[in-house]
Amino acid sequence: MTATAQVTSIRRDPVTAASTWMVAWEVTGGGADSGEFTETHVGTVGVRVGEVQVLN
């Protein structure tokens, strides 16, 4: 059996991802200091989305 595939549409959709982390730190010698910070990175990339139709 042989099937033929036909691409019916292709588009590029944006996908956004975010990562967040918090760091709490403390100096254990030579001076008592501590603190925390939060870092967030966001990135967007285009992802190709296609639709395929199989023709028999």
PDB file of N, CA and C in Angstrom:
ATOM      1  N   MET A   1       0.843  -1.175   0.000  1.00  0.00           N
ATOM      2  CA  MET A   1       0.000   0.000   0.000  1.00  0.00           C
ATOM      3  C   MET A   1       0.891   1.242   0.000  1.00  0.00           C
ATOM      4  N   THR A   2       0.577   2.161  -0.862  1.00  0.00           N
ATOM      5  CA  THR A   2       1.301   3.422  -0.943  1.00  0.00           C
ATOM      6  C   THR A   2       0.341   4.554  -0.653  1.00  0.00           C
ATOM      7  N   ALA A   3       0.743   5.441   0.226  1.00  0.00           N
ATOM      8  CA  ALA A   3      -0.085   6.610   0.548  1.00  0.00           C
ATOM      9  C   ALA A   3       0.673   7.862   0.150  1.00  0.00           C
ATOM     10  N   THR A   4      -0.059   8.845  -0.284  1.00  0.00           N
ATOM     11  CA  THR A   4       0.527  10.135  -0.648  1.00  0.00           C
ATOM     12  C   THR A   4       0.109  11.163   0.390  1.00  0.00           C
ATOM     13  N   ALA A   5       1.066  11.935   0.870  1.00  0.00           N
ATOM     14  CA  ALA A   5       0.772  12.981   1.847  1.00  0.00           C
ATOM     15  C   ALA A   5       0.829  14.331   1.157  1.00  0.00           C
ATOM     16  N   GLN A   6      -0.102  15.164   1.488  1.00  0.00           N
ATOM     17  CA  GLN A   6      -0.164  16.511   0.924  1.00  0.00           C
ATOM     18  C   GLN A   6      -0.171  17.507   2.080  1.00  0.00           C
ATOM     19  N   VAL A   7       0.759  18.443   2.060  1.00  0.00           N
ATOM     20  CA  VAL A   7       0.801  19.485   3.075  1.00  0.00           C
ATOM     21  C   VAL A   7      -0.268  20.515   2.731  1.00  0.00           C
ATOM     22  N   THR A   8      -1.199  20.711   3.662  1.00  0.00           N
ATOM     23  CA  THR A   8      -2.303  21.625   3.382  1.00  0.00           C
ATOM     24  C   THR A   8      -2.060  23.022   3.935  1.00  0.00           C
ATOM     25  N   SER A   9      -1.271  23.137   4.981  1.00  0.00           N
ATOM     26  CA  SER A   9      -0.935  24.469   5.497  1.00  0.00           C
ATOM     27  C   SER A   9       0.258  24.382   6.432  1.00  0.00           C
ATOM     28  N   ILE A  10       1.051  25.437   6.425  1.00  0.00           N
ATOM     29  CA  ILE A  10       2.173  25.570   7.358  1.00  0.00           C
ATOM     30  C   ILE A  10       2.153  27.007   7.871  1.00  0.00           C
ATOM     31  N   ARG A  11       2.295  27.160   9.157  1.00  0.00           N
ATOM     32  CA  ARG A  11       2.369  28.494   9.730  1.00  0.00           C
ATOM     33  C   ARG A  11       3.411  28.487  10.833  1.00  0.00           C
ATOM     34  N   ARG A  12       3.876  29.655  11.197  1.00  0.00           N
ATOM     35  CA  ARG A  12       4.862  29.786  12.257  1.00  0.00           C
ATOM     36  C   ARG A  12       4.193  30.515  13.414  1.00  0.00           C
ATOM     37  N   ASP A  13       4.035  29.806  14.540  1.00  0.00           N
ATOM     38  CA  ASP A  13       3.390  30.366  15.717  1.00  0.00           C
ATOM     39  C   ASP A  13       4.441  30.692  16.776  1.00  0.00           C
ATOM     40  N   PRO A  14       4.290  31.826  17.466  1.00  0.00           N
ATOM     41  CA  PRO A  14       5.230  32.138  18.542  1.00  0.00           C
ATOM     42  C   PRO A  14       4.928  31.319  19.799  1.00  0.00           C
ATOM     43  N   VAL A  15       5.964  30.788  20.408  1.00  0.00           N
ATOM     44  CA  VAL A  15       5.847  30.068  21.675  1.00  0.00           C
ATOM     45  C   VAL A  15       6.762  30.771  22.667  1.00  0.00           C
ATOM     46  N   THR A  16       6.206  31.124  23.822  1.00  0.00           N
ATOM     47  CA  THR A  16       6.974  31.837  24.844  1.00  0.00           C
ATOM     48  C   THR A  16       7.163  30.934  26.052  1.00  0.00           C
ATOM     49  N   ALA A  17       8.383  30.886  26.564  1.00  0.00           N
ATOM     50  CA  ALA A  17       8.694  30.111  27.762  1.00  0.00           C
ATOM     51  C   ALA A  17       9.371  31.029  28.770  1.00  0.00           C
ATOM     52  N   ALA A  18       9.083  30.813  30.035  1.00  0.00           N
ATOM     53  CA  ALA A  18       9.690  31.607  31.100  1.00  0.00           C
ATOM     54  C   ALA A  18      10.224  30.676  32.173  1.00  0.00           C
ATOM     55  N   SER A  19      11.379  31.024  32.722  1.00  0.00           N
ATOM     56  CA  SER A  19      11.915  30.283  33.863  1.00  0.00           C
ATOM     57  C   SER A  19      12.271  31.294  34.949  1.00  0.00           C
ATOM     58  N   THR A  20      11.920  30.972  36.167  1.00  0.00           N
ATOM     59  CA  THR A  20      12.166  31.860  37.308  1.00  0.00           C
ATOM     60  C   THR A  20      12.802  31.058  38.433  1.00  0.00           C
ATOM     61  N   TRP A  21      13.808  31.632  39.058  1.00  0.00           N
ATOM     62  CA  TRP A  21      14.388  30.987  40.225  1.00  0.00           C
ATOM     63  C   TRP A  21      14.764  32.040  41.250  1.00  0.00           C
ATOM     64  N   MET A  22      14.729  31.644  42.512  1.00  0.00           N
ATOM     65  CA  MET A  22      15.098  32.518  43.612  1.00  0.00           C
ATOM     66  C   MET A  22      16.316  31.933  44.300  1.00  0.00           C
ATOM     67  N   VAL A  23      17.298  32.793  44.610  1.00  0.00           N
ATOM     68  CA  VAL A  23      18.520  32.366  45.275  1.00  0.00           C
ATOM     69  C   VAL A  23      18.609  33.106  46.606  1.00  0.00           C
ATOM     70  N   ALA A  24      18.723  32.357  47.671  1.00  0.00           N
ATOM     71  CA  ALA A  24      18.978  32.937  48.991  1.00  0.00           C
ATOM     72  C   ALA A  24      20.433  32.604  49.342  1.00  0.00           C
ATOM     73  N   TRP A  25      21.213  33.619  49.713  1.00  0.00           N
ATOM     74  CA  TRP A  25      22.629  33.391  49.960  1.00  0.00           C
ATOM     75  C   TRP A  25      23.023  33.975  51.314  1.00  0.00           C
ATOM     76  N   GLU A  26      24.090  33.426  51.860  1.00  0.00           N
ATOM     77  CA  GLU A  26      24.600  33.878  53.157  1.00  0.00           C
ATOM     78  C   GLU A  26      26.102  33.657  53.195  1.00  0.00           C
ATOM     79  N   VAL A  27      26.840  34.663  53.648  1.00  0.00           N
ATOM     80  CA  VAL A  27      28.286  34.557  53.820  1.00  0.00           C
ATOM     81  C   VAL A  27      28.529  33.904  55.179  1.00  0.00           C
ATOM     82  N   THR A  28      29.363  32.852  55.200  1.00  0.00           N
ATOM     83  CA  THR A  28      29.580  32.112  56.445  1.00  0.00           C
ATOM     84  C   THR A  28      30.890  32.471  57.135  1.00  0.00           C
ATOM     85  N   GLY A  29      31.629  33.404  56.619  1.00  0.00           N
ATOM     86  CA  GLY A  29      32.875  33.796  57.264  1.00  0.00           C
ATOM     87  C   GLY A  29      33.340  35.145  56.769  1.00  0.00           C
ATOM     88  N   GLY A  30      34.063  35.879  57.603  1.00  0.00           N
ATOM     89  CA  GLY A  30      34.634  37.147  57.188  1.00  0.00           C
ATOM     90  C   GLY A  30      33.627  38.280  57.073  1.00  0.00           C
ATOM     91  N   GLY A  31      32.552  38.211  57.722  1.00  0.00           N
ATOM     92  CA  GLY A  31      31.539  39.258  57.647  1.00  0.00           C
ATOM     93  C   GLY A  31      30.175  38.651  57.404  1.00  0.00           C
ATOM     94  N   ALA A  32      29.281  38.953  58.270  1.00  0.00           N
ATOM     95  CA  ALA A  32      27.947  38.364  58.161  1.00  0.00           C
ATOM     96  C   ALA A  32      27.124  39.169  57.164  1.00  0.00           C
ATOM     97  N   ASP A  33      26.848  38.578  56.063  1.00  0.00           N
ATOM     98  CA  ASP A  33      26.028  39.227  55.049  1.00  0.00           C
ATOM     99  C   ASP A  33      25.139  38.161  54.423  1.00  0.00           C
ATOM    100  N   SER A  34      23.965  38.556  54.021  1.00  0.00           N
ATOM    101  CA  SER A  34      23.059  37.611  53.383  1.00  0.00           C
ATOM    102  C   SER A  34      22.106  38.380  52.485  1.00  0.00           C
ATOM    103  N   GLY A  35      21.396  37.671  51.701  1.00  0.00           N
ATOM    104  CA  GLY A  35      20.432  38.318  50.821  1.00  0.00           C
ATOM    105  C   GLY A  35      19.757  37.296  49.939  1.00  0.00           C
ATOM    106  N   GLU A  36      18.946  37.769  49.049  1.00  0.00           N
ATOM    107  CA  GLU A  36      18.278  36.904  48.083  1.00  0.00           C
ATOM    108  C   GLU A  36      17.977  37.706  46.842  1.00  0.00           C
ATOM    109  N   PHE A  37      17.851  36.999  45.758  1.00  0.00           N
ATOM    110  CA  PHE A  37      17.445  37.639  44.507  1.00  0.00           C
ATOM    111  C   PHE A  37      16.642  36.653  43.679  1.00  0.00           C
ATOM    112  N   THR A  38      15.818  37.202  42.840  1.00  0.00           N
ATOM    113  CA  THR A  38      14.997  36.407  41.937  1.00  0.00           C
ATOM    114  C   THR A  38      15.367  36.776  40.512  1.00  0.00           C
ATOM    115  N   GLU A  39      15.545  35.770  39.692  1.00  0.00           N
ATOM    116  CA  GLU A  39      15.940  35.967  38.303  1.00  0.00           C
ATOM    117  C   GLU A  39      14.880  35.337  37.402  1.00  0.00           C
ATOM    118  N   THR A  40      14.466  36.061  36.391  1.00  0.00           N
ATOM    119  CA  THR A  40      13.484  35.544  35.434  1.00  0.00           C
ATOM    120  C   THR A  40      14.013  35.736  34.024  1.00  0.00           C
ATOM    121  N   HIS A  41      13.934  34.691  33.237  1.00  0.00           N
ATOM    122  CA  HIS A  41      14.317  34.748  31.824  1.00  0.00           C
ATOM    123  C   HIS A  41      13.105  34.362  30.987  1.00  0.00           C
ATOM    124  N   VAL A  42      12.834  35.151  29.969  1.00  0.00           N
ATOM    125  CA  VAL A  42      11.716  34.879  29.070  1.00  0.00           C
ATOM    126  C   VAL A  42      12.257  34.833  27.648  1.00  0.00           C
ATOM    127  N   GLY A  43      11.854  33.859  26.910  1.00  0.00           N
ATOM    128  CA  GLY A  43      12.283  33.744  25.520  1.00  0.00           C
ATOM    129  C   GLY A  43      11.112  33.361  24.630  1.00  0.00           C
ATOM    130  N   THR A  44      11.122  33.872  23.410  1.00  0.00           N
ATOM    131  CA  THR A  44      10.090  33.545  22.433  1.00  0.00           C
ATOM    132  C   THR A  44      10.767  33.018  21.171  1.00  0.00           C
ATOM    133  N   VAL A  45      10.204  31.964  20.640  1.00  0.00           N
ATOM    134  CA  VAL A  45      10.743  31.373  19.420  1.00  0.00           C
ATOM    135  C   VAL A  45       9.568  31.007  18.517  1.00  0.00           C
ATOM    136  N   GLY A  46       9.786  31.084  17.230  1.00  0.00           N
ATOM    137  CA  GLY A  46       8.751  30.682  16.276  1.00  0.00           C
ATOM    138  C   GLY A  46       8.808  29.187  16.035  1.00  0.00           C
ATOM    139  N   VAL A  47       7.671  28.537  16.115  1.00  0.00           N
ATOM    140  CA  VAL A  47       7.582  27.091  15.912  1.00  0.00           C
ATOM    141  C   VAL A  47       6.718  26.836  14.684  1.00  0.00           C
ATOM    142  N   ARG A  48       7.234  26.039  13.780  1.00  0.00           N
ATOM    143  CA  ARG A  48       6.469  25.709  12.574  1.00  0.00           C
ATOM    144  C   ARG A  48       5.417  24.666  12.898  1.00  0.00           C
ATOM    145  N   VAL A  49       4.193  24.982  12.549  1.00  0.00           N
ATOM    146  CA  VAL A  49       3.070  24.059  12.747  1.00  0.00           C
ATOM    147  C   VAL A  49       2.498  23.755  11.371  1.00  0.00           C
ATOM    148  N   GLY A  50       2.423  22.486  11.051  1.00  0.00           N
ATOM    149  CA  GLY A  50       1.927  22.101   9.736  1.00  0.00           C
ATOM    150  C   GLY A  50       0.747  21.149   9.840  1.00  0.00           C
ATOM    151  N   GLU A  51      -0.037  21.152   8.817  1.00  0.00           N
ATOM    152  CA  GLU A  51      -1.165  20.233   8.729  1.00  0.00           C
ATOM    153  C   GLU A  51      -0.940  19.372   7.499  1.00  0.00           C
ATOM    154  N   VAL A  52      -1.053  18.060   7.672  1.00  0.00           N
ATOM    155  CA  VAL A  52      -0.810  17.122   6.583  1.00  0.00           C
ATOM    156  C   VAL A  52      -2.071  16.294   6.362  1.00  0.00           C
ATOM    157  N   GLN A  53      -2.389  16.107   5.127  1.00  0.00           N
ATOM    158  CA  GLN A  53      -3.540  15.275   4.774  1.00  0.00           C
ATOM    159  C   GLN A  53      -3.027  14.081   3.976  1.00  0.00           C
ATOM    160  N   VAL A  54      -3.425  12.884   4.391  1.00  0.00           N
ATOM    161  CA  VAL A  54      -2.994  11.664   3.697  1.00  0.00           C
ATOM    162  C   VAL A  54      -4.054  11.304   2.653  1.00  0.00           C
ATOM    163  N   LEU A  55      -3.588  11.129   1.438  1.00  0.00           N
ATOM    164  CA  LEU A  55      -4.478  10.793   0.325  1.00  0.00           C
ATOM    165  C   LEU A  55      -4.245   9.345  -0.072  1.00  0.00           C
ATOM    166  N   ASN A  56      -5.271   8.558  -0.091  1.00  0.00           N
ATOM    167  CA  ASN A  56      -5.138   7.158  -0.493  1.00  0.00           C
ATOM    168  C   ASN A  56      -5.630   6.964  -1.903  1.00  0.00           C
TER     169      ASN A  56
END
